[in-house]
PDB file of N, CA and C in Angstrom:
ATOM      1  N   MET A   1     116.865  92.516  93.542  1.00  0.00           N
ATOM      2  CA  MET A   1     117.754  92.958  94.577  1.00  0.00           C
ATOM      3  C   MET A   1     118.878  93.795  93.963  1.00  0.00           C
ATOM      4  N   ALA A   2     119.398  93.339  92.846  1.00  0.00           N
ATOM      5  CA  ALA A   2     120.484  94.066  92.185  1.00  0.00           C
ATOM      6  C   ALA A   2     120.007  95.426  91.673  1.00  0.00           C
ATOM      7  N   ILE A   3     118.787  95.478  91.183  1.00  0.00           N
ATOM      8  CA  ILE A   3     118.262  96.747  90.673  1.00  0.00           C
ATOM      9  C   ILE A   3     118.087  97.748  91.810  1.00  0.00           C
ATOM     10  N   GLY A   4     117.436  97.330  92.892  1.00  0.00           N
ATOM     11  CA  GLY A   4     117.235  98.230  94.033  1.00  0.00           C
ATOM     12  C   GLY A   4     118.548  98.656  94.663  1.00  0.00           C
ATOM     13  N   GLY A   5     119.475  97.717  94.842  1.00  0.00           N
ATOM     14  CA  GLY A   5     120.777  98.052  95.417  1.00  0.00           C
ATOM     15  C   GLY A   5     121.594  98.959  94.510  1.00  0.00           C
ATOM     16  N   GLY A   6     121.546  98.679  93.211  1.00  0.00           N
ATOM     17  CA  GLY A   6     122.274  99.522  92.262  1.00  0.00           C
ATOM     18  C   GLY A   6     121.728 100.936  92.215  1.00  0.00           C
ATOM     19  N   LEU A   7     120.409 101.047  92.236  1.00  0.00           N
ATOM     20  CA  LEU A   7     119.805 102.375  92.254  1.00  0.00           C
ATOM     21  C   LEU A   7     120.163 103.127  93.528  1.00  0.00           C
ATOM     22  N   LEU A   8     120.132 102.438  94.665  1.00  0.00           N
ATOM     23  CA  LEU A   8     120.529 103.087  95.917  1.00  0.00           C
ATOM     24  C   LEU A   8     121.970 103.573  95.850  1.00  0.00           C
ATOM     25  N   TYR A   9     122.849 102.738  95.314  1.00  0.00           N
ATOM     26  CA  TYR A   9     124.273 103.073  95.259  1.00  0.00           C
ATOM     27  C   TYR A   9     124.528 104.299  94.382  1.00  0.00           C
ATOM     28  N   PHE A  10     123.842 104.370  93.233  1.00  0.00           N
ATOM     29  CA  PHE A  10     124.121 105.451  92.298  1.00  0.00           C
ATOM     30  C   PHE A  10     123.293 106.714  92.547  1.00  0.00           C
ATOM     31  N   VAL A  11     122.110 106.581  93.132  1.00  0.00           N
ATOM     32  CA  VAL A  11     121.223 107.732  93.293  1.00  0.00           C
ATOM     33  C   VAL A  11     121.393 108.410  94.648  1.00  0.00           C
ATOM     34  N   ALA A  12     121.752 107.675  95.681  1.00  0.00           N
ATOM     35  CA  ALA A  12     121.836 108.243  97.034  1.00  0.00           C
ATOM     36  C   ALA A  12     122.753 109.469  97.132  1.00  0.00           C
ATOM     37  N   PRO A  13     123.937 109.486  96.484  1.00  0.00           N
ATOM     38  CA  PRO A  13     124.792 110.679  96.646  1.00  0.00           C
ATOM     39  C   PRO A  13     124.356 111.890  95.838  1.00  0.00           C
ATOM     40  N   ILE A  14     123.362 111.752  94.978  1.00  0.00           N
ATOM     41  CA  ILE A  14     122.943 112.879  94.140  1.00  0.00           C
ATOM     42  C   ILE A  14     122.210 113.898  95.000  1.00  0.00           C
ATOM     43  N   GLY A  15     122.674 115.096  94.954  1.00  0.00           N
ATOM     44  CA  GLY A  15     122.041 116.182  95.694  1.00  0.00           C
ATOM     45  C   GLY A  15     122.158 117.468  94.915  1.00  0.00           C
ATOM     46  N   LYS A  16     121.703 118.532  95.504  1.00  0.00           N
ATOM     47  CA  LYS A  16     121.752 119.818  94.813  1.00  0.00           C
ATOM     48  C   LYS A  16     123.166 120.379  94.728  1.00  0.00           C
ATOM     49  N   ASN A  17     124.038 119.937  95.628  1.00  0.00           N
ATOM     50  CA  ASN A  17     125.404 120.454  95.637  1.00  0.00           C
ATOM     51  C   ASN A  17     126.411 119.504  95.008  1.00  0.00           C
ATOM     52  N   SER A  18     125.969 118.389  94.458  1.00  0.00           N
ATOM     53  CA  SER A  18     126.914 117.442  93.865  1.00  0.00           C
ATOM     54  C   SER A  18     127.178 117.812  92.411  1.00  0.00           C
ATOM     55  N   SER A  19     128.336 117.384  91.919  1.00  0.00           N
ATOM     56  CA  SER A  19     128.660 117.642  90.521  1.00  0.00           C
ATOM     57  C   SER A  19     128.016 116.556  89.663  1.00  0.00           C
ATOM     58  N   GLY A  20     127.803 116.833  88.412  1.00  0.00           N
ATOM     59  CA  GLY A  20     127.182 115.853  87.532  1.00  0.00           C
ATOM     60  C   GLY A  20     125.671 115.985  87.540  1.00  0.00           C
ATOM     61  N   THR A  21     124.995 114.879  87.691  1.00  0.00           N
ATOM     62  CA  THR A  21     123.540 114.868  87.660  1.00  0.00           C
ATOM     63  C   THR A  21     122.967 115.609  88.849  1.00  0.00           C
ATOM     64  N   ARG A  22     121.946 116.405  88.605  1.00  0.00           N
ATOM     65  CA  ARG A  22     121.315 117.186  89.675  1.00  0.00           C
ATOM     66  C   ARG A  22     119.897 116.693  89.892  1.00  0.00           C
ATOM     67  N   PHE A  23     119.490 116.684  91.136  1.00  0.00           N
ATOM     68  CA  PHE A  23     118.114 116.345  91.497  1.00  0.00           C
ATOM     69  C   PHE A  23     117.392 117.644  91.790  1.00  0.00           C
ATOM     70  N   THR A  24     116.305 117.894  91.087  1.00  0.00           N
ATOM     71  CA  THR A  24     115.619 119.182  91.223  1.00  0.00           C
ATOM     72  C   THR A  24     114.416 119.123  92.161  1.00  0.00           C
ATOM     73  N   GLY A  25     114.147 117.961  92.741  1.00  0.00           N
ATOM     74  CA  GLY A  25     113.005 117.837  93.655  1.00  0.00           C
ATOM     75  C   GLY A  25     113.361 118.271  95.062  1.00  0.00           C
ATOM     76  N   SER A  26     112.391 118.176  95.941  1.00  0.00           N
ATOM     77  CA  SER A  26     112.608 118.535  97.341  1.00  0.00           C
ATOM     78  C   SER A  26     113.288 117.387  98.088  1.00  0.00           C
ATOM     79  N   GLU A  27     113.704 117.677  99.312  1.00  0.00           N
ATOM     80  CA  GLU A  27     114.332 116.637 100.137  1.00  0.00           C
ATOM     81  C   GLU A  27     113.331 115.538 100.476  1.00  0.00           C
ATOM     82  N   GLY A  28     112.074 115.896 100.667  1.00  0.00           N
ATOM     83  CA  GLY A  28     111.042 114.897 100.931  1.00  0.00           C
ATOM     84  C   GLY A  28     110.861 113.946  99.757  1.00  0.00           C
ATOM     85  N   GLN A  29     110.888 114.494  98.559  1.00  0.00           N
ATOM     86  CA  GLN A  29     110.778 113.663  97.375  1.00  0.00           C
ATOM     87  C   GLN A  29     111.987 112.747  97.226  1.00  0.00           C
ATOM     88  N   LYS A  30     113.164 113.276  97.532  1.00  0.00           N
ATOM     89  CA  LYS A  30     114.373 112.459  97.453  1.00  0.00           C
ATOM     90  C   LYS A  30     114.314 111.316  98.463  1.00  0.00           C
ATOM     91  N   LEU A  31     113.883 111.591  99.684  1.00  0.00           N
ATOM     92  CA  LEU A  31     113.775 110.538 100.687  1.00  0.00           C
ATOM     93  C   LEU A  31     112.722 109.505 100.295  1.00  0.00           C
ATOM     94  N   PHE A  32     111.631 109.944  99.699  1.00  0.00           N
ATOM     95  CA  PHE A  32     110.604 109.011  99.243  1.00  0.00           C
ATOM     96  C   PHE A  32     111.160 108.090  98.165  1.00  0.00           C
ATOM     97  N   ILE A  33     111.869 108.631  97.213  1.00  0.00           N
ATOM     98  CA  ILE A  33     112.460 107.835  96.141  1.00  0.00           C
ATOM     99  C   ILE A  33     113.477 106.847  96.698  1.00  0.00           C
ATOM    100  N   LEU A  34     114.336 107.308  97.599  1.00  0.00           N
ATOM    101  CA  LEU A  34     115.320 106.409  98.200  1.00  0.00           C
ATOM    102  C   LEU A  34     114.642 105.324  99.030  1.00  0.00           C
ATOM    103  N   GLY A  35     113.539 105.660  99.687  1.00  0.00           N
ATOM    104  CA  GLY A  35     112.789 104.666 100.451  1.00  0.00           C
ATOM    105  C   GLY A  35     112.211 103.581  99.555  1.00  0.00           C
ATOM    106  N   ILE A  36     111.698 103.971  98.403  1.00  0.00           N
ATOM    107  CA  ILE A  36     111.174 102.985  97.450  1.00  0.00           C
ATOM    108  C   ILE A  36     112.305 102.088  96.945  1.00  0.00           C
ATOM    109  N   PHE A  37     113.460 102.667  96.629  1.00  0.00           N
ATOM    110  CA  PHE A  37     114.591 101.855  96.175  1.00  0.00           C
ATOM    111  C   PHE A  37     115.040 100.886  97.260  1.00  0.00           C
ATOM    112  N   PHE A  38     115.047 101.342  98.516  1.00  0.00           N
ATOM    113  CA  PHE A  38     115.414 100.458  99.616  1.00  0.00           C
ATOM    114  C   PHE A  38     114.388  99.340  99.782  1.00  0.00           C
ATOM    115  N   ALA A  39     113.120  99.665  99.618  1.00  0.00           N
ATOM    116  CA  ALA A  39     112.084  98.643  99.733  1.00  0.00           C
ATOM    117  C   ALA A  39     112.219  97.592  98.627  1.00  0.00           C
ATOM    118  N   VAL A  40     112.556  98.017  97.415  1.00  0.00           N
ATOM    119  CA  VAL A  40     112.782  97.072  96.316  1.00  0.00           C
ATOM    120  C   VAL A  40     113.978  96.181  96.641  1.00  0.00           C
ATOM    121  N   PHE A  41     115.040  96.761  97.196  1.00  0.00           N
ATOM    122  CA  PHE A  41     116.213  95.983  97.590  1.00  0.00           C
ATOM    123  C   PHE A  41     115.854  94.972  98.676  1.00  0.00           C
ATOM    124  N   ALA A  42     115.111  95.398  99.692  1.00  0.00           N
ATOM    125  CA  ALA A  42     114.723  94.499 100.784  1.00  0.00           C
ATOM    126  C   ALA A  42     113.809  93.391 100.278  1.00  0.00           C
ATOM    127  N   PHE A  43     112.906  93.715  99.361  1.00  0.00           N
ATOM    128  CA  PHE A  43     112.033  92.699  98.788  1.00  0.00           C
ATOM    129  C   PHE A  43     112.856  91.674  98.015  1.00  0.00           C
ATOM    130  N   GLY A  44     113.800  92.124  97.231  1.00  0.00           N
ATOM    131  CA  GLY A  44     114.668  91.208  96.490  1.00  0.00           C
ATOM    132  C   GLY A  44     115.476  90.318  97.417  1.00  0.00           C
ATOM    133  N   LEU A  45     115.951  90.885  98.508  1.00  0.00           N
ATOM    134  CA  LEU A  45     116.704  90.098  99.487  1.00  0.00           C
ATOM    135  C   LEU A  45     115.821  89.033 100.122  1.00  0.00           C
ATOM    136  N   SER A  46     114.580  89.362 100.444  1.00  0.00           N
ATOM    137  CA  SER A  46     113.685  88.375 101.048  1.00  0.00           C
ATOM    138  C   SER A  46     113.306  87.278 100.050  1.00  0.00           C
ATOM    139  N   VAL A  47     113.129  87.636  98.787  1.00  0.00           N
ATOM    140  CA  VAL A  47     112.832  86.627  97.763  1.00  0.00           C
ATOM    141  C   VAL A  47     114.043  85.715  97.575  1.00  0.00           C
ATOM    142  N   LEU A  48     115.239  86.277  97.610  1.00  0.00           N
ATOM    143  CA  LEU A  48     116.450  85.477  97.513  1.00  0.00           C
ATOM    144  C   LEU A  48     116.555  84.495  98.676  1.00  0.00           C
ATOM    145  N   ALA A  49     116.266  84.955  99.885  1.00  0.00           N
ATOM    146  CA  ALA A  49     116.309  84.077 101.055  1.00  0.00           C
ATOM    147  C   ALA A  49     115.284  82.954 100.944  1.00  0.00           C
ATOM    148  N   ALA A  50     114.081  83.279 100.498  1.00  0.00           N
ATOM    149  CA  ALA A  50     113.048  82.246 100.335  1.00  0.00           C
ATOM    150  C   ALA A  50     113.443  81.245  99.257  1.00  0.00           C
ATOM    151  N   GLY A  51     114.041  81.718  98.191  1.00  0.00           N
ATOM    152  CA  GLY A  51     114.498  80.818  97.128  1.00  0.00           C
ATOM    153  C   GLY A  51     115.620  79.906  97.587  1.00  0.00           C
ATOM    154  N   LEU A  52     116.576  80.446  98.327  1.00  0.00           N
ATOM    155  CA  LEU A  52     117.657  79.614  98.861  1.00  0.00           C
ATOM    156  C   LEU A  52     117.121  78.568  99.829  1.00  0.00           C
ATOM    157  N   TRP A  53     116.166  78.961 100.651  1.00  0.00           N
ATOM    158  CA  TRP A  53     115.535  78.018 101.583  1.00  0.00           C
ATOM    159  C   TRP A  53     114.921  76.854 100.804  1.00  0.00           C
ATOM    160  N   GLN A  54     114.228  77.171  99.724  1.00  0.00           N
ATOM    161  CA  GLN A  54     113.571  76.134  98.935  1.00  0.00           C
ATOM    162  C   GLN A  54     114.592  75.248  98.227  1.00  0.00           C
ATOM    163  N   VAL A  55     115.684  75.816  97.746  1.00  0.00           N
ATOM    164  CA  VAL A  55     116.708  75.014  97.074  1.00  0.00           C
ATOM    165  C   VAL A  55     117.398  74.092  98.065  1.00  0.00           C
ATOM    166  N   ILE A  56     117.728  74.596  99.239  1.00  0.00           N
ATOM    167  CA  ILE A  56     118.463  73.802 100.223  1.00  0.00           C
ATOM    168  C   ILE A  56     117.593  72.692 100.807  1.00  0.00           C
ATOM    169  N   LEU A  57     116.355  73.022 101.188  1.00  0.00           N
ATOM    170  CA  LEU A  57     115.505  72.044 101.860  1.00  0.00           C
ATOM    171  C   LEU A  57     114.569  71.287 100.913  1.00  0.00           C
ATOM    172  N   GLY A  58     114.422  71.743  99.688  1.00  0.00           N
ATOM    173  CA  GLY A  58     113.595  71.051  98.720  1.00  0.00           C
ATOM    174  C   GLY A  58     112.108  71.306  98.854  1.00  0.00           C
ATOM    175  N   ARG A  59     111.716  72.215  99.712  1.00  0.00           N
ATOM    176  CA  ARG A  59     110.303  72.561  99.868  1.00  0.00           C
ATOM    177  C   ARG A  59     110.193  74.020 100.280  1.00  0.00           C
ATOM    178  N   ALA A  60     109.057  74.594  99.979  1.00  0.00           N
ATOM    179  CA  ALA A  60     108.841  76.005 100.316  1.00  0.00           C
ATOM    180  C   ALA A  60     108.383  76.132 101.768  1.00  0.00           C
ATOM    181  N   SER A  61     108.828  77.173 102.412  1.00  0.00           N
ATOM    182  CA  SER A  61     108.386  77.475 103.767  1.00  0.00           C
ATOM    183  C   SER A  61     107.186  78.408 103.684  1.00  0.00           C
ATOM    184  N   LYS A  62     106.065  77.991 104.278  1.00  0.00           N
ATOM    185  CA  LYS A  62     104.860  78.820 104.215  1.00  0.00           C
ATOM    186  C   LYS A  62     105.061  80.160 104.903  1.00  0.00           C
ATOM    187  N   SER A  63     105.821  80.178 105.980  1.00  0.00           N
ATOM    188  CA  SER A  63     106.040  81.446 106.681  1.00  0.00           C
ATOM    189  C   SER A  63     106.898  82.399 105.847  1.00  0.00           C
ATOM    190  N   LEU A  64     107.888  81.874 105.132  1.00  0.00           N
ATOM    191  CA  LEU A  64     108.704  82.738 104.265  1.00  0.00           C
ATOM    192  C   LEU A  64     107.886  83.267 103.092  1.00  0.00           C
ATOM    193  N   VAL A  65     107.047  82.422 102.519  1.00  0.00           N
ATOM    194  CA  VAL A  65     106.196  82.864 101.407  1.00  0.00           C
ATOM    195  C   VAL A  65     105.235  83.946 101.896  1.00  0.00           C
ATOM    196  N   ASN A  66     104.653  83.751 103.064  1.00  0.00           N
ATOM    197  CA  ASN A  66     103.764  84.770 103.627  1.00  0.00           C
ATOM    198  C   ASN A  66     104.517  86.066 103.913  1.00  0.00           C
ATOM    199  N   ALA A  67     105.746  85.969 104.409  1.00  0.00           N
ATOM    200  CA  ALA A  67     106.550  87.165 104.684  1.00  0.00           C
ATOM    201  C   ALA A  67     106.855  87.927 103.393  1.00  0.00           C
ATOM    202  N   VAL A  68     107.192  87.205 102.331  1.00  0.00           N
ATOM    203  CA  VAL A  68     107.496  87.849 101.047  1.00  0.00           C
ATOM    204  C   VAL A  68     106.247  88.532 100.489  1.00  0.00           C
ATOM    205  N   LEU A  69     105.108  87.855 100.538  1.00  0.00           N
ATOM    206  CA  LEU A  69     103.875  88.468 100.046  1.00  0.00           C
ATOM    207  C   LEU A  69     103.471  89.677 100.876  1.00  0.00           C
ATOM    208  N   THR A  70     103.652  89.588 102.191  1.00  0.00           N
ATOM    209  CA  THR A  70     103.353  90.726 103.061  1.00  0.00           C
ATOM    210  C   THR A  70     104.249  91.908 102.735  1.00  0.00           C
ATOM    211  N   MET A  71     105.536  91.637 102.500  1.00  0.00           N
ATOM    212  CA  MET A  71     106.466  92.710 102.160  1.00  0.00           C
ATOM    213  C   MET A  71     106.071  93.360 100.833  1.00  0.00           C
ATOM    214  N   PHE A  72     105.611  92.556  99.885  1.00  0.00           N
ATOM    215  CA  PHE A  72     105.188  93.101  98.596  1.00  0.00           C
ATOM    216  C   PHE A  72     103.992  94.035  98.770  1.00  0.00           C
ATOM    217  N   VAL A  73     103.029  93.639  99.578  1.00  0.00           N
ATOM    218  CA  VAL A  73     101.854  94.481  99.826  1.00  0.00           C
ATOM    219  C   VAL A  73     102.266  95.762 100.546  1.00  0.00           C
ATOM    220  N   ILE A  74     103.214  95.666 101.479  1.00  0.00           N
ATOM    221  CA  ILE A  74     103.698  96.845 102.194  1.00  0.00           C
ATOM    222  C   ILE A  74     104.388  97.812 101.233  1.00  0.00           C
ATOM    223  N   ILE A  75     105.176  97.283 100.303  1.00  0.00           N
ATOM    224  CA  ILE A  75     105.845  98.137  99.319  1.00  0.00           C
ATOM    225  C   ILE A  75     104.812  98.870  98.469  1.00  0.00           C
ATOM    226  N   LEU A  76     103.785  98.160  98.031  1.00  0.00           N
ATOM    227  CA  LEU A  76     102.731  98.810  97.242  1.00  0.00           C
ATOM    228  C   LEU A  76     102.015  99.879  98.050  1.00  0.00           C
ATOM    229  N   ALA A  77     101.756  99.609  99.327  1.00  0.00           N
ATOM    230  CA  ALA A  77     101.079 100.589 100.177  1.00  0.00           C
ATOM    231  C   ALA A  77     101.950 101.814 100.398  1.00  0.00           C
ATOM    232  N   ILE A  78     103.246 101.613 100.641  1.00  0.00           N
ATOM    233  CA  ILE A  78     104.162 102.744 100.833  1.00  0.00           C
ATOM    234  C   ILE A  78     104.200 103.604  99.579  1.00  0.00           C
ATOM    235  N   ALA A  79     104.294 102.960  98.427  1.00  0.00           N
ATOM    236  CA  ALA A  79     104.348 103.721  97.174  1.00  0.00           C
ATOM    237  C   ALA A  79     103.056 104.499  96.948  1.00  0.00           C
ATOM    238  N   GLY A  80     101.931 103.866  97.204  1.00  0.00           N
ATOM    239  CA  GLY A  80     100.648 104.539  96.997  1.00  0.00           C
ATOM    240  C   GLY A  80     100.424 105.686  97.952  1.00  0.00           C
ATOM    241  N   PHE A  81     100.637 105.451  99.244  1.00  0.00           N
ATOM    242  CA  PHE A  81     100.423 106.508 100.231  1.00  0.00           C
ATOM    243  C   PHE A  81     101.476 107.610 100.108  1.00  0.00           C
ATOM    244  N   GLY A  82     102.698 107.233  99.768  1.00  0.00           N
ATOM    245  CA  GLY A  82     103.737 108.249  99.589  1.00  0.00           C
ATOM    246  C   GLY A  82     103.439 109.148  98.412  1.00  0.00           C
ATOM    247  N   ARG A  83     102.979 108.542  97.334  1.00  0.00           N
ATOM    248  CA  ARG A  83     102.622 109.332  96.155  1.00  0.00           C
ATOM    249  C   ARG A  83     101.449 110.264  96.467  1.00  0.00           C
ATOM    250  N   LEU A  84     100.479 109.748  97.202  1.00  0.00           N
ATOM    251  CA  LEU A  84      99.342 110.580  97.598  1.00  0.00           C
ATOM    252  C   LEU A  84      99.780 111.729  98.492  1.00  0.00           C
ATOM    253  N   ALA A  85     100.651 111.444  99.444  1.00  0.00           N
ATOM    254  CA  ALA A  85     101.136 112.484 100.372  1.00  0.00           C
ATOM    255  C   ALA A  85     101.926 113.548  99.617  1.00  0.00           C
ATOM    256  N   LEU A  86     102.780 113.131  98.693  1.00  0.00           N
ATOM    257  CA  LEU A  86     103.557 114.104  97.916  1.00  0.00           C
ATOM    258  C   LEU A  86     102.650 114.979  97.057  1.00  0.00           C
ATOM    259  N   SER A  87     101.608 114.390  96.477  1.00  0.00           N
ATOM    260  CA  SER A  87     100.719 115.194  95.638  1.00  0.00           C
ATOM    261  C   SER A  87      99.896 116.161  96.490  1.00  0.00           C
ATOM    262  N   LEU A  88      99.557 115.781  97.722  1.00  0.00           N
ATOM    263  CA  LEU A  88      98.807 116.683  98.598  1.00  0.00           C
ATOM    264  C   LEU A  88      99.687 117.818  99.124  1.00  0.00           C
ATOM    265  N   LEU A  89     100.976 117.549  99.314  1.00  0.00           N
ATOM    266  CA  LEU A  89     101.888 118.565  99.834  1.00  0.00           C
ATOM    267  C   LEU A  89     102.238 119.606  98.781  1.00  0.00           C
ATOM    268  N   GLU A  90     102.111 119.279  97.518  1.00  0.00           N
ATOM    269  CA  GLU A  90     102.471 120.230  96.472  1.00  0.00           C
ATOM    270  C   GLU A  90     101.377 121.150  96.141  1.00  0.00           C
TER     271      GLU A  90
END
């Protein structure tokens, strides 16, 4: 969660008109990268919630575990299809 949130915080303001580090890709590529960082942040947040649930109640919730695994598969699918779409557009 900290990695995804930190990347979002530091990378989101980078653009072609900003001072300092420059991003040389297209706007579509920038949005894809930011989407992946957001997905990593959301996955970390869901894992944190499932872990807190288990610590507080002393047992794992099957629905939370299924939600976390589903989110992980969705992140992998977004990354794969996004990468494929970007390579086809170039």
